[in-house]
Amino acid sequence: MNYFLKANKNLLTYSLIILIIIPIFGINFLLSFLGNILLLLFLIPLLILLLLFIGFNSYKSRINKCDNCGALSLGFNETCMSCGADLENISKRNDLDKKPSESTIEVKAEEIK
């Protein structure tokens, strides 16, 4: 037996490396790999939902409604396709472009007797 160990010292060393060290790092790598895949499976749908939400809000902000006939347009036109009314005034009156002081209602307190 002692002769076998002396003759096959390299074989014993490599066997210990394969049987002890590689499975430890291999399991760690496997757990990290599976964790990253699960993380991606969770984050990719959230990223898609976020992009859809941003796209929908961008699309929604471009829609204009004609004051005369009520037709909807995407905001690329300067005039209404149905009645020919001017749509530039509608885009200028957008709620997001207003200053807060224009939207604030001033209330004066009166004393009740």
PDB file of N, CA and C in Angstrom:
ATOM      1  N   MET A   1       0.823  -1.199   0.000  1.00  0.00           N
ATOM      2  CA  MET A   1       0.000   0.000   0.000  1.00  0.00           C
ATOM      3  C   MET A   1       0.861   1.255   0.000  1.00  0.00           C
ATOM      4  N   ASN A   2       1.940   1.212   0.797  1.00  0.00           N
ATOM      5  CA  ASN A   2       2.832   2.335   0.868  1.00  0.00           C
ATOM      6  C   ASN A   2       3.498   2.585  -0.478  1.00  0.00           C
ATOM      7  N   TYR A   3       3.811   1.555  -1.194  1.00  0.00           N
ATOM      8  CA  TYR A   3       4.400   1.683  -2.526  1.00  0.00           C
ATOM      9  C   TYR A   3       3.421   2.363  -3.485  1.00  0.00           C
ATOM     10  N   PHE A   4       2.114   2.032  -3.373  1.00  0.00           N
ATOM     11  CA  PHE A   4       1.087   2.621  -4.241  1.00  0.00           C
ATOM     12  C   PHE A   4       1.013   4.126  -4.030  1.00  0.00           C
ATOM     13  N   LEU A   5       1.084   4.572  -2.761  1.00  0.00           N
ATOM     14  CA  LEU A   5       1.012   5.999  -2.466  1.00  0.00           C
ATOM     15  C   LEU A   5       2.227   6.747  -2.989  1.00  0.00           C
ATOM     16  N   LYS A   6       3.400   6.121  -2.889  1.00  0.00           N
ATOM     17  CA  LYS A   6       4.598   6.776  -3.384  1.00  0.00           C
ATOM     18  C   LYS A   6       4.605   6.860  -4.901  1.00  0.00           C
ATOM     19  N   ALA A   7       4.155   5.816  -5.555  1.00  0.00           N
ATOM     20  CA  ALA A   7       4.187   5.764  -7.012  1.00  0.00           C
ATOM     21  C   ALA A   7       3.124   6.665  -7.628  1.00  0.00           C
ATOM     22  N   ASN A   8       2.005   6.794  -6.983  1.00  0.00           N
ATOM     23  CA  ASN A   8       0.879   7.547  -7.560  1.00  0.00           C
ATOM     24  C   ASN A   8       0.574   8.802  -6.739  1.00  0.00           C
ATOM     25  N   LYS A   9       1.614   9.512  -6.337  1.00  0.00           N
ATOM     26  CA  LYS A   9       1.427  10.717  -5.538  1.00  0.00           C
ATOM     27  C   LYS A   9       0.666  11.790  -6.334  1.00  0.00           C
ATOM     28  N   ASN A  10       0.977  11.951  -7.582  1.00  0.00           N
ATOM     29  CA  ASN A  10       0.271  12.932  -8.408  1.00  0.00           C
ATOM     30  C   ASN A  10      -1.183  12.552  -8.603  1.00  0.00           C
ATOM     31  N   LEU A  11      -1.448  11.274  -8.785  1.00  0.00           N
ATOM     32  CA  LEU A  11      -2.824  10.816  -8.957  1.00  0.00           C
ATOM     33  C   LEU A  11      -3.643  11.087  -7.710  1.00  0.00           C
ATOM     34  N   LEU A  12      -3.054  10.852  -6.543  1.00  0.00           N
ATOM     35  CA  LEU A  12      -3.748  11.106  -5.283  1.00  0.00           C
ATOM     36  C   LEU A  12      -3.999  12.599  -5.101  1.00  0.00           C
ATOM     37  N   THR A  13      -3.046  13.428  -5.435  1.00  0.00           N
ATOM     38  CA  THR A  13      -3.200  14.878  -5.305  1.00  0.00           C
ATOM     39  C   THR A  13      -4.307  15.401  -6.219  1.00  0.00           C
ATOM     40  N   TYR A  14      -4.277  14.985  -7.442  1.00  0.00           N
ATOM     41  CA  TYR A  14      -5.307  15.446  -8.381  1.00  0.00           C
ATOM     42  C   TYR A  14      -6.683  14.895  -8.022  1.00  0.00           C
ATOM     43  N   SER A  15      -6.722  13.701  -7.489  1.00  0.00           N
ATOM     44  CA  SER A  15      -8.001  13.127  -7.061  1.00  0.00           C
ATOM     45  C   SER A  15      -8.587  13.924  -5.914  1.00  0.00           C
ATOM     46  N   LEU A  16      -7.733  14.320  -4.950  1.00  0.00           N
ATOM     47  CA  LEU A  16      -8.224  15.145  -3.839  1.00  0.00           C
ATOM     48  C   LEU A  16      -8.712  16.503  -4.337  1.00  0.00           C
ATOM     49  N   ILE A  17      -8.002  17.082  -5.280  1.00  0.00           N
ATOM     50  CA  ILE A  17      -8.443  18.369  -5.844  1.00  0.00           C
ATOM     51  C   ILE A  17      -9.793  18.215  -6.511  1.00  0.00           C
ATOM     52  N   ILE A  18      -9.958  17.191  -7.291  1.00  0.00           N
ATOM     53  CA  ILE A  18     -11.217  16.981  -8.009  1.00  0.00           C
ATOM     54  C   ILE A  18     -12.354  16.672  -7.051  1.00  0.00           C
ATOM     55  N   LEU A  19     -12.106  15.865  -6.029  1.00  0.00           N
ATOM     56  CA  LEU A  19     -13.175  15.416  -5.133  1.00  0.00           C
ATOM     57  C   LEU A  19     -13.502  16.409  -4.022  1.00  0.00           C
ATOM     58  N   ILE A  20     -12.587  17.286  -3.657  1.00  0.00           N
ATOM     59  CA  ILE A  20     -12.837  18.187  -2.524  1.00  0.00           C
ATOM     60  C   ILE A  20     -12.978  19.650  -2.962  1.00  0.00           C
ATOM     61  N   ILE A  21     -12.014  20.181  -3.675  1.00  0.00           N
ATOM     62  CA  ILE A  21     -11.982  21.617  -3.952  1.00  0.00           C
ATOM     63  C   ILE A  21     -12.967  22.007  -5.051  1.00  0.00           C
ATOM     64  N   ILE A  22     -12.992  21.269  -6.138  1.00  0.00           N
ATOM     65  CA  ILE A  22     -13.866  21.637  -7.260  1.00  0.00           C
ATOM     66  C   ILE A  22     -15.351  21.564  -6.894  1.00  0.00           C
ATOM     67  N   PRO A  23     -15.843  20.551  -6.161  1.00  0.00           N
ATOM     68  CA  PRO A  23     -17.271  20.584  -5.805  1.00  0.00           C
ATOM     69  C   PRO A  23     -17.657  21.764  -4.930  1.00  0.00           C
ATOM     70  N   ILE A  24     -16.746  22.199  -4.054  1.00  0.00           N
ATOM     71  CA  ILE A  24     -17.072  23.349  -3.201  1.00  0.00           C
ATOM     72  C   ILE A  24     -17.274  24.596  -4.054  1.00  0.00           C
ATOM     73  N   PHE A  25     -16.331  24.875  -4.934  1.00  0.00           N
ATOM     74  CA  PHE A  25     -16.479  26.046  -5.794  1.00  0.00           C
ATOM     75  C   PHE A  25     -17.535  25.813  -6.867  1.00  0.00           C
ATOM     76  N   GLY A  26     -17.706  24.587  -7.293  1.00  0.00           N
ATOM     77  CA  GLY A  26     -18.723  24.275  -8.288  1.00  0.00           C
ATOM     78  C   GLY A  26     -20.121  24.498  -7.754  1.00  0.00           C
ATOM     79  N   ILE A  27     -20.372  24.111  -6.501  1.00  0.00           N
ATOM     80  CA  ILE A  27     -21.683  24.334  -5.892  1.00  0.00           C
ATOM     81  C   ILE A  27     -21.917  25.822  -5.686  1.00  0.00           C
ATOM     82  N   ASN A  28     -20.882  26.530  -5.266  1.00  0.00           N
ATOM     83  CA  ASN A  28     -21.002  27.978  -5.106  1.00  0.00           C
ATOM     84  C   ASN A  28     -21.316  28.637  -6.444  1.00  0.00           C
ATOM     85  N   PHE A  29     -20.632  28.223  -7.485  1.00  0.00           N
ATOM     86  CA  PHE A  29     -20.894  28.763  -8.820  1.00  0.00           C
ATOM     87  C   PHE A  29     -22.306  28.426  -9.277  1.00  0.00           C
ATOM     88  N   LEU A  30     -22.732  27.192  -9.030  1.00  0.00           N
ATOM     89  CA  LEU A  30     -24.074  26.776  -9.442  1.00  0.00           C
ATOM     90  C   LEU A  30     -25.149  27.576  -8.711  1.00  0.00           C
ATOM     91  N   LEU A  31     -24.965  27.779  -7.402  1.00  0.00           N
ATOM     92  CA  LEU A  31     -25.949  28.569  -6.649  1.00  0.00           C
ATOM     93  C   LEU A  31     -25.965  30.023  -7.116  1.00  0.00           C
ATOM     94  N   SER A  32     -24.809  30.582  -7.394  1.00  0.00           N
ATOM     95  CA  SER A  32     -24.755  31.957  -7.897  1.00  0.00           C
ATOM     96  C   SER A  32     -25.405  32.067  -9.267  1.00  0.00           C
ATOM     97  N   PHE A  33     -25.145  31.087 -10.105  1.00  0.00           N
ATOM     98  CA  PHE A  33     -25.712  31.093 -11.453  1.00  0.00           C
ATOM     99  C   PHE A  33     -27.229  30.985 -11.407  1.00  0.00           C
ATOM    100  N   LEU A  34     -27.753  30.068 -10.589  1.00  0.00           N
ATOM    101  CA  LEU A  34     -29.208  29.924 -10.473  1.00  0.00           C
ATOM    102  C   LEU A  34     -29.841  31.157  -9.844  1.00  0.00           C
ATOM    103  N   GLY A  35     -29.147  31.761  -8.859  1.00  0.00           N
ATOM    104  CA  GLY A  35     -29.664  32.992  -8.248  1.00  0.00           C
ATOM    105  C   GLY A  35     -29.735  34.130  -9.243  1.00  0.00           C
ATOM    106  N   ASN A  36     -28.729  34.253 -10.090  1.00  0.00           N
ATOM    107  CA  ASN A  36     -28.736  35.311 -11.105  1.00  0.00           C
ATOM    108  C   ASN A  36     -29.825  35.080 -12.142  1.00  0.00           C
ATOM    109  N   ILE A  37     -30.050  33.832 -12.514  1.00  0.00           N
ATOM    110  CA  ILE A  37     -31.117  33.536 -13.471  1.00  0.00           C
ATOM    111  C   ILE A  37     -32.474  33.873 -12.869  1.00  0.00           C
ATOM    112  N   LEU A  38     -32.703  33.509 -11.616  1.00  0.00           N
ATOM    113  CA  LEU A  38     -33.973  33.843 -10.964  1.00  0.00           C
ATOM    114  C   LEU A  38     -34.138  35.352 -10.825  1.00  0.00           C
ATOM    115  N   LEU A  39     -33.050  36.044 -10.538  1.00  0.00           N
ATOM    116  CA  LEU A  39     -33.106  37.499 -10.441  1.00  0.00           C
ATOM    117  C   LEU A  39     -33.475  38.122 -11.783  1.00  0.00           C
ATOM    118  N   LEU A  40     -32.886  37.614 -12.848  1.00  0.00           N
ATOM    119  CA  LEU A  40     -33.222  38.118 -14.188  1.00  0.00           C
ATOM    120  C   LEU A  40     -34.664  37.808 -14.557  1.00  0.00           C
ATOM    121  N   LEU A  41     -35.140  36.625 -14.188  1.00  0.00           N
ATOM    122  CA  LEU A  41     -36.535  36.279 -14.486  1.00  0.00           C
ATOM    123  C   LEU A  41     -37.504  37.175 -13.736  1.00  0.00           C
ATOM    124  N   PHE A  42     -37.082  37.719 -12.621  1.00  0.00           N
ATOM    125  CA  PHE A  42     -37.927  38.629 -11.867  1.00  0.00           C
ATOM    126  C   PHE A  42     -37.800  40.068 -12.367  1.00  0.00           C
ATOM    127  N   LEU A  43     -36.576  40.490 -12.721  1.00  0.00           N
ATOM    128  CA  LEU A  43     -36.356  41.883 -13.081  1.00  0.00           C
ATOM    129  C   LEU A  43     -36.712  42.217 -14.524  1.00  0.00           C
ATOM    130  N   ILE A  44     -36.594  41.279 -15.436  1.00  0.00           N
ATOM    131  CA  ILE A  44     -36.915  41.561 -16.836  1.00  0.00           C
ATOM    132  C   ILE A  44     -38.396  41.915 -17.010  1.00  0.00           C
ATOM    133  N   PRO A  45     -39.355  41.177 -16.412  1.00  0.00           N
ATOM    134  CA  PRO A  45     -40.750  41.625 -16.538  1.00  0.00           C
ATOM    135  C   PRO A  45     -40.998  42.992 -15.904  1.00  0.00           C
ATOM    136  N   LEU A  46     -40.325  43.293 -14.790  1.00  0.00           N
ATOM    137  CA  LEU A  46     -40.484  44.622 -14.195  1.00  0.00           C
ATOM    138  C   LEU A  46     -39.952  45.711 -15.112  1.00  0.00           C
ATOM    139  N   LEU A  47     -38.844  45.440 -15.771  1.00  0.00           N
ATOM    140  CA  LEU A  47     -38.285  46.403 -16.723  1.00  0.00           C
ATOM    141  C   LEU A  47     -39.223  46.606 -17.906  1.00  0.00           C
ATOM    142  N   ILE A  48     -39.819  45.535 -18.405  1.00  0.00           N
ATOM    143  CA  ILE A  48     -40.766  45.640 -19.518  1.00  0.00           C
ATOM    144  C   ILE A  48     -41.995  46.438 -19.096  1.00  0.00           C
ATOM    145  N   LEU A  49     -42.504  46.183 -17.883  1.00  0.00           N
ATOM    146  CA  LEU A  49     -43.662  46.946 -17.388  1.00  0.00           C
ATOM    147  C   LEU A  49     -43.324  48.430 -17.228  1.00  0.00           C
ATOM    148  N   LEU A  50     -42.125  48.723 -16.758  1.00  0.00           N
ATOM    149  CA  LEU A  50     -41.713  50.116 -16.615  1.00  0.00           C
ATOM    150  C   LEU A  50     -41.624  50.810 -17.970  1.00  0.00           C
ATOM    151  N   LEU A  51     -41.061  50.128 -18.964  1.00  0.00           N
ATOM    152  CA  LEU A  51     -40.980  50.710 -20.308  1.00  0.00           C
ATOM    153  C   LEU A  51     -42.365  50.908 -20.920  1.00  0.00           C
ATOM    154  N   LEU A  52     -43.268  49.959 -20.703  1.00  0.00           N
ATOM    155  CA  LEU A  52     -44.641  50.112 -21.201  1.00  0.00           C
ATOM    156  C   LEU A  52     -45.343  51.287 -20.530  1.00  0.00           C
ATOM    157  N   PHE A  53     -45.134  51.445 -19.231  1.00  0.00           N
ATOM    158  CA  PHE A  53     -45.752  52.548 -18.499  1.00  0.00           C
ATOM    159  C   PHE A  53     -45.244  53.899 -19.006  1.00  0.00           C
ATOM    160  N   ILE A  54     -43.940  54.005 -19.213  1.00  0.00           N
ATOM    161  CA  ILE A  54     -43.366  55.254 -19.722  1.00  0.00           C
ATOM    162  C   ILE A  54     -43.851  55.530 -21.143  1.00  0.00           C
ATOM    163  N   GLY A  55     -43.900  54.501 -21.986  1.00  0.00           N
ATOM    164  CA  GLY A  55     -44.396  54.672 -23.347  1.00  0.00           C
ATOM    165  C   GLY A  55     -45.854  55.074 -23.394  1.00  0.00           C
ATOM    166  N   PHE A  56     -46.670  54.465 -22.527  1.00  0.00           N
ATOM    167  CA  PHE A  56     -48.096  54.802 -22.491  1.00  0.00           C
ATOM    168  C   PHE A  56     -48.298  56.243 -22.047  1.00  0.00           C
ATOM    169  N   ASN A  57     -47.558  56.685 -21.040  1.00  0.00           N
ATOM    170  CA  ASN A  57     -47.698  58.074 -20.589  1.00  0.00           C
ATOM    171  C   ASN A  57     -47.214  59.053 -21.648  1.00  0.00           C
ATOM    172  N   SER A  58     -46.170  58.695 -22.378  1.00  0.00           N
ATOM    173  CA  SER A  58     -45.689  59.564 -23.454  1.00  0.00           C
ATOM    174  C   SER A  58     -46.737  59.656 -24.563  1.00  0.00           C
ATOM    175  N   TYR A  59     -47.323  58.521 -24.907  1.00  0.00           N
ATOM    176  CA  TYR A  59     -48.365  58.505 -25.947  1.00  0.00           C
ATOM    177  C   TYR A  59     -49.590  59.279 -25.483  1.00  0.00           C
ATOM    178  N   LYS A  60     -49.956  59.113 -24.222  1.00  0.00           N
ATOM    179  CA  LYS A  60     -51.142  59.767 -23.683  1.00  0.00           C
ATOM    180  C   LYS A  60     -50.978  61.290 -23.643  1.00  0.00           C
ATOM    181  N   SER A  61     -49.760  61.764 -23.416  1.00  0.00           N
ATOM    182  CA  SER A  61     -49.560  63.209 -23.339  1.00  0.00           C
ATOM    183  C   SER A  61     -49.640  63.878 -24.712  1.00  0.00           C
ATOM    184  N   ARG A  62     -49.525  63.124 -25.788  1.00  0.00           N
ATOM    185  CA  ARG A  62     -49.589  63.701 -27.137  1.00  0.00           C
ATOM    186  C   ARG A  62     -51.011  63.791 -27.689  1.00  0.00           C
ATOM    187  N   ILE A  63     -51.961  63.180 -27.037  1.00  0.00           N
ATOM    188  CA  ILE A  63     -53.337  63.176 -27.544  1.00  0.00           C
ATOM    189  C   ILE A  63     -54.002  64.518 -27.233  1.00  0.00           C
ATOM    190  N   ASN A  64     -54.550  65.133 -28.261  1.00  0.00           N
ATOM    191  CA  ASN A  64     -55.295  66.389 -28.123  1.00  0.00           C
ATOM    192  C   ASN A  64     -56.752  66.142 -28.480  1.00  0.00           C
ATOM    193  N   LYS A  65     -57.631  66.864 -27.793  1.00  0.00           N
ATOM    194  CA  LYS A  65     -59.063  66.778 -28.087  1.00  0.00           C
ATOM    195  C   LYS A  65     -59.525  68.138 -28.610  1.00  0.00           C
ATOM    196  N   CYS A  66     -60.218  68.094 -29.717  1.00  0.00           N
ATOM    197  CA  CYS A  66     -60.718  69.325 -30.332  1.00  0.00           C
ATOM    198  C   CYS A  66     -61.852  69.896 -29.490  1.00  0.00           C
ATOM    199  N   ASP A  67     -61.800  71.209 -29.241  1.00  0.00           N
ATOM    200  CA  ASP A  67     -62.865  71.865 -28.472  1.00  0.00           C
ATOM    201  C   ASP A  67     -64.159  71.983 -29.270  1.00  0.00           C
ATOM    202  N   ASN A  68     -64.058  72.070 -30.596  1.00  0.00           N
ATOM    203  CA  ASN A  68     -65.264  72.256 -31.422  1.00  0.00           C
ATOM    204  C   ASN A  68     -66.047  70.966 -31.611  1.00  0.00           C
ATOM    205  N   CYS A  69     -65.374  69.917 -32.093  1.00  0.00           N
ATOM    206  CA  CYS A  69     -66.108  68.700 -32.452  1.00  0.00           C
ATOM    207  C   CYS A  69     -65.825  67.517 -31.525  1.00  0.00           C
ATOM    208  N   GLY A  70     -64.795  67.578 -30.694  1.00  0.00           N
ATOM    209  CA  GLY A  70     -64.486  66.487 -29.773  1.00  0.00           C
ATOM    210  C   GLY A  70     -63.640  65.380 -30.383  1.00  0.00           C
ATOM    211  N   ALA A  71     -63.124  65.566 -31.591  1.00  0.00           N
ATOM    212  CA  ALA A  71     -62.297  64.544 -32.236  1.00  0.00           C
ATOM    213  C   ALA A  71     -60.925  64.497 -31.563  1.00  0.00           C
ATOM    214  N   LEU A  72     -60.334  63.312 -31.543  1.00  0.00           N
ATOM    215  CA  LEU A  72     -59.016  63.122 -30.946  1.00  0.00           C
ATOM    216  C   LEU A  72     -57.952  63.112 -32.028  1.00  0.00           C
ATOM    217  N   SER A  73     -56.811  63.711 -31.726  1.00  0.00           N
ATOM    218  CA  SER A  73     -55.676  63.674 -32.647  1.00  0.00           C
ATOM    219  C   SER A  73     -54.414  63.446 -31.839  1.00  0.00           C
ATOM    220  N   LEU A  74     -53.350  62.995 -32.519  1.00  0.00           N
ATOM    221  CA  LEU A  74     -52.110  62.673 -31.831  1.00  0.00           C
ATOM    222  C   LEU A  74     -51.217  63.868 -31.568  1.00  0.00           C
ATOM    223  N   GLY A  75     -51.603  65.022 -31.916  1.00  0.00           N
ATOM    224  CA  GLY A  75     -50.820  66.201 -31.612  1.00  0.00           C
ATOM    225  C   GLY A  75     -49.792  66.564 -32.658  1.00  0.00           C
ATOM    226  N   PHE A  76     -49.702  65.798 -33.738  1.00  0.00           N
ATOM    227  CA  PHE A  76     -48.787  66.139 -34.823  1.00  0.00           C
ATOM    228  C   PHE A  76     -49.433  67.139 -35.775  1.00  0.00           C
ATOM    229  N   ASN A  77     -50.750  67.240 -35.741  1.00  0.00           N
ATOM    230  CA  ASN A  77     -51.480  68.142 -36.624  1.00  0.00           C
ATOM    231  C   ASN A  77     -51.676  69.493 -35.942  1.00  0.00           C
ATOM    232  N   GLU A  78     -51.685  70.532 -36.755  1.00  0.00           N
ATOM    233  CA  GLU A  78     -51.959  71.862 -36.224  1.00  0.00           C
ATOM    234  C   GLU A  78     -53.447  72.176 -36.271  1.00  0.00           C
ATOM    235  N   THR A  79     -54.175  71.488 -37.136  1.00  0.00           N
ATOM    236  CA  THR A  79     -55.612  71.703 -37.241  1.00  0.00           C
ATOM    237  C   THR A  79     -56.346  70.375 -37.065  1.00  0.00           C
ATOM    238  N   CYS A  80     -57.603  70.463 -36.676  1.00  0.00           N
ATOM    239  CA  CYS A  80     -58.429  69.274 -36.479  1.00  0.00           C
ATOM    240  C   CYS A  80     -58.738  68.635 -37.830  1.00  0.00           C
ATOM    241  N   MET A  81     -58.660  67.305 -37.903  1.00  0.00           N
ATOM    242  CA  MET A  81     -58.920  66.586 -39.154  1.00  0.00           C
ATOM    243  C   MET A  81     -60.413  66.595 -39.499  1.00  0.00           C
ATOM    244  N   SER A  82     -61.282  66.725 -38.493  1.00  0.00           N
ATOM    245  CA  SER A  82     -62.729  66.680 -38.750  1.00  0.00           C
ATOM    246  C   SER A  82     -63.306  68.048 -39.102  1.00  0.00           C
ATOM    247  N   CYS A  83     -63.035  69.041 -38.252  1.00  0.00           N
ATOM    248  CA  CYS A  83     -63.691  70.331 -38.464  1.00  0.00           C
ATOM    249  C   CYS A  83     -62.741  71.439 -38.897  1.00  0.00           C
ATOM    250  N   GLY A  84     -61.443  71.247 -38.814  1.00  0.00           N
ATOM    251  CA  GLY A  84     -60.485  72.256 -39.256  1.00  0.00           C
ATOM    252  C   GLY A  84     -60.151  73.304 -38.210  1.00  0.00           C
ATOM    253  N   ALA A  85     -60.563  73.107 -36.965  1.00  0.00           N
ATOM    254  CA  ALA A  85     -60.269  74.085 -35.903  1.00  0.00           C
ATOM    255  C   ALA A  85     -58.784  74.053 -35.563  1.00  0.00           C
ATOM    256  N   ASP A  86     -58.312  75.162 -35.020  1.00  0.00           N
ATOM    257  CA  ASP A  86     -56.900  75.290 -34.671  1.00  0.00           C
ATOM    258  C   ASP A  86     -56.619  74.507 -33.384  1.00  0.00           C
ATOM    259  N   LEU A  87     -55.662  73.568 -33.436  1.00  0.00           N
ATOM    260  CA  LEU A  87     -55.314  72.763 -32.273  1.00  0.00           C
ATOM    261  C   LEU A  87     -54.089  73.276 -31.543  1.00  0.00           C
ATOM    262  N   GLU A  88     -53.431  74.294 -32.044  1.00  0.00           N
ATOM    263  CA  GLU A  88     -52.246  74.820 -31.377  1.00  0.00           C
ATOM    264  C   GLU A  88     -52.591  75.425 -30.032  1.00  0.00           C
ATOM    265  N   ASN A  89     -53.760  76.024 -29.929  1.00  0.00           N
ATOM    266  CA  ASN A  89     -54.169  76.626 -28.659  1.00  0.00           C
ATOM    267  C   ASN A  89     -54.381  75.550 -27.603  1.00  0.00           C
ATOM    268  N   ILE A  90     -54.801  74.369 -28.008  1.00  0.00           N
ATOM    269  CA  ILE A  90     -55.026  73.280 -27.063  1.00  0.00           C
ATOM    270  C   ILE A  90     -53.701  72.803 -26.484  1.00  0.00           C
ATOM    271  N   SER A  91     -52.701  72.681 -27.308  1.00  0.00           N
ATOM    272  CA  SER A  91     -51.405  72.221 -26.810  1.00  0.00           C
ATOM    273  C   SER A  91     -50.757  73.255 -25.906  1.00  0.00           C
ATOM    274  N   LYS A  92     -51.044  74.523 -26.136  1.00  0.00           N
ATOM    275  CA  LYS A  92     -50.494  75.562 -25.273  1.00  0.00           C
ATOM    276  C   LYS A  92     -51.170  75.573 -23.919  1.00  0.00           C
ATOM    277  N   ARG A  93     -52.396  75.086 -23.848  1.00  0.00           N
ATOM    278  CA  ARG A  93     -53.136  75.069 -22.591  1.00  0.00           C
ATOM    279  C   ARG A  93     -52.962  73.751 -21.844  1.00  0.00           C
ATOM    280  N   ASN A  94     -51.951  73.039 -22.132  1.00  0.00           N
ATOM    281  CA  ASN A  94     -51.708  71.763 -21.476  1.00  0.00           C
ATOM    282  C   ASN A  94     -51.497  71.990 -19.979  1.00  0.00           C
ATOM    283  N   ASP A  95     -52.076  71.124 -19.148  1.00  0.00           N
ATOM    284  CA  ASP A  95     -51.993  71.287 -17.702  1.00  0.00           C
ATOM    285  C   ASP A  95     -50.572  71.170 -17.180  1.00  0.00           C
ATOM    286  N   LEU A  96     -49.726  70.411 -17.861  1.00  0.00           N
ATOM    287  CA  LEU A  96     -48.355  70.245 -17.395  1.00  0.00           C
ATOM    288  C   LEU A  96     -47.523  71.486 -17.624  1.00  0.00           C
ATOM    289  N   ASP A  97     -47.923  72.324 -18.573  1.00  0.00           N
ATOM    290  CA  ASP A  97     -47.162  73.521 -18.884  1.00  0.00           C
ATOM    291  C   ASP A  97     -47.573  74.724 -18.033  1.00  0.00           C
ATOM    292  N   LYS A  98     -48.649  74.617 -17.294  1.00  0.00           N
ATOM    293  CA  LYS A  98     -49.124  75.744 -16.506  1.00  0.00           C
ATOM    294  C   LYS A  98     -48.235  75.974 -15.302  1.00  0.00           C
ATOM    295  N   LYS A  99     -48.132  77.212 -14.920  1.00  0.00           N
ATOM    296  CA  LYS A  99     -47.410  77.555 -13.702  1.00  0.00           C
ATOM    297  C   LYS A  99     -48.322  77.248 -12.512  1.00  0.00           C
ATOM    298  N   PRO A 100     -47.765  76.887 -11.394  1.00  0.00           N
ATOM    299  CA  PRO A 100     -48.600  76.593 -10.224  1.00  0.00           C
ATOM    300  C   PRO A 100     -49.427  77.792  -9.771  1.00  0.00           C
ATOM    301  N   SER A 101     -48.915  79.006  -9.972  1.00  0.00           N
ATOM    302  CA  SER A 101     -49.670  80.182  -9.543  1.00  0.00           C
ATOM    303  C   SER A 101     -50.930  80.376 -10.383  1.00  0.00           C
ATOM    304  N   GLU A 102     -50.934  79.850 -11.629  1.00  0.00           N
ATOM    305  CA  GLU A 102     -52.124  79.965 -12.470  1.00  0.00           C
ATOM    306  C   GLU A 102     -53.185  78.956 -12.059  1.00  0.00           C
ATOM    307  N   SER A 103     -52.785  77.870 -11.435  1.00  0.00           N
ATOM    308  CA  SER A 103     -53.723  76.824 -11.052  1.00  0.00           C
ATOM    309  C   SER A 103     -54.236  76.986  -9.628  1.00  0.00           C
ATOM    310  N   THR A 104     -53.604  77.847  -8.847  1.00  0.00           N
ATOM    311  CA  THR A 104     -53.967  78.000  -7.445  1.00  0.00           C
ATOM    312  C   THR A 104     -55.181  78.918  -7.324  1.00  0.00           C
ATOM    313  N   ILE A 105     -56.101  78.506  -6.502  1.00  0.00           N
ATOM    314  CA  ILE A 105     -57.275  79.333  -6.218  1.00  0.00           C
ATOM    315  C   ILE A 105     -57.023  80.057  -4.906  1.00  0.00           C
ATOM    316  N   GLU A 106     -57.114  81.362  -4.940  1.00  0.00           N
ATOM    317  CA  GLU A 106     -56.904  82.137  -3.724  1.00  0.00           C
ATOM    318  C   GLU A 106     -58.226  82.264  -2.997  1.00  0.00           C
ATOM    319  N   VAL A 107     -58.186  81.936  -1.729  1.00  0.00           N
ATOM    320  CA  VAL A 107     -59.392  81.995  -0.889  1.00  0.00           C
ATOM    321  C   VAL A 107     -59.148  83.032   0.202  1.00  0.00           C
ATOM    322  N   LYS A 108     -60.093  83.955   0.338  1.00  0.00           N
ATOM    323  CA  LYS A 108     -59.994  84.962   1.390  1.00  0.00           C
ATOM    324  C   LYS A 108     -60.924  84.561   2.523  1.00  0.00           C
ATOM    325  N   ALA A 109     -60.406  84.579   3.695  1.00  0.00           N
ATOM    326  CA  ALA A 109     -61.198  84.208   4.864  1.00  0.00           C
ATOM    327  C   ALA A 109     -62.033  85.404   5.316  1.00  0.00           C
ATOM    328  N   GLU A 110     -63.273  85.099   5.647  1.00  0.00           N
ATOM    329  CA  GLU A 110     -64.165  86.146   6.160  1.00  0.00           C
ATOM    330  C   GLU A 110     -64.657  85.713   7.526  1.00  0.00           C
ATOM    331  N   GLU A 111     -64.820  86.657   8.374  1.00  0.00           N
ATOM    332  CA  GLU A 111     -65.278  86.343   9.714  1.00  0.00           C
ATOM    333  C   GLU A 111     -66.805  86.277   9.718  1.00  0.00           C
ATOM    334  N   ILE A 112     -67.327  85.213  10.304  1.00  0.00           N
ATOM    335  CA  ILE A 112     -68.788  85.027  10.375  1.00  0.00           C
ATOM    336  C   ILE A 112     -69.256  85.497  11.736  1.00  0.00           C
ATOM    337  N   LYS A 113     -70.307  86.377  11.729  1.00  0.00           N
ATOM    338  CA  LYS A 113     -70.829  86.901  13.008  1.00  0.00           C
ATOM    339  C   LYS A 113     -72.163  86.310  13.331  1.00  0.00           C
TER     340      LYS A 113
END
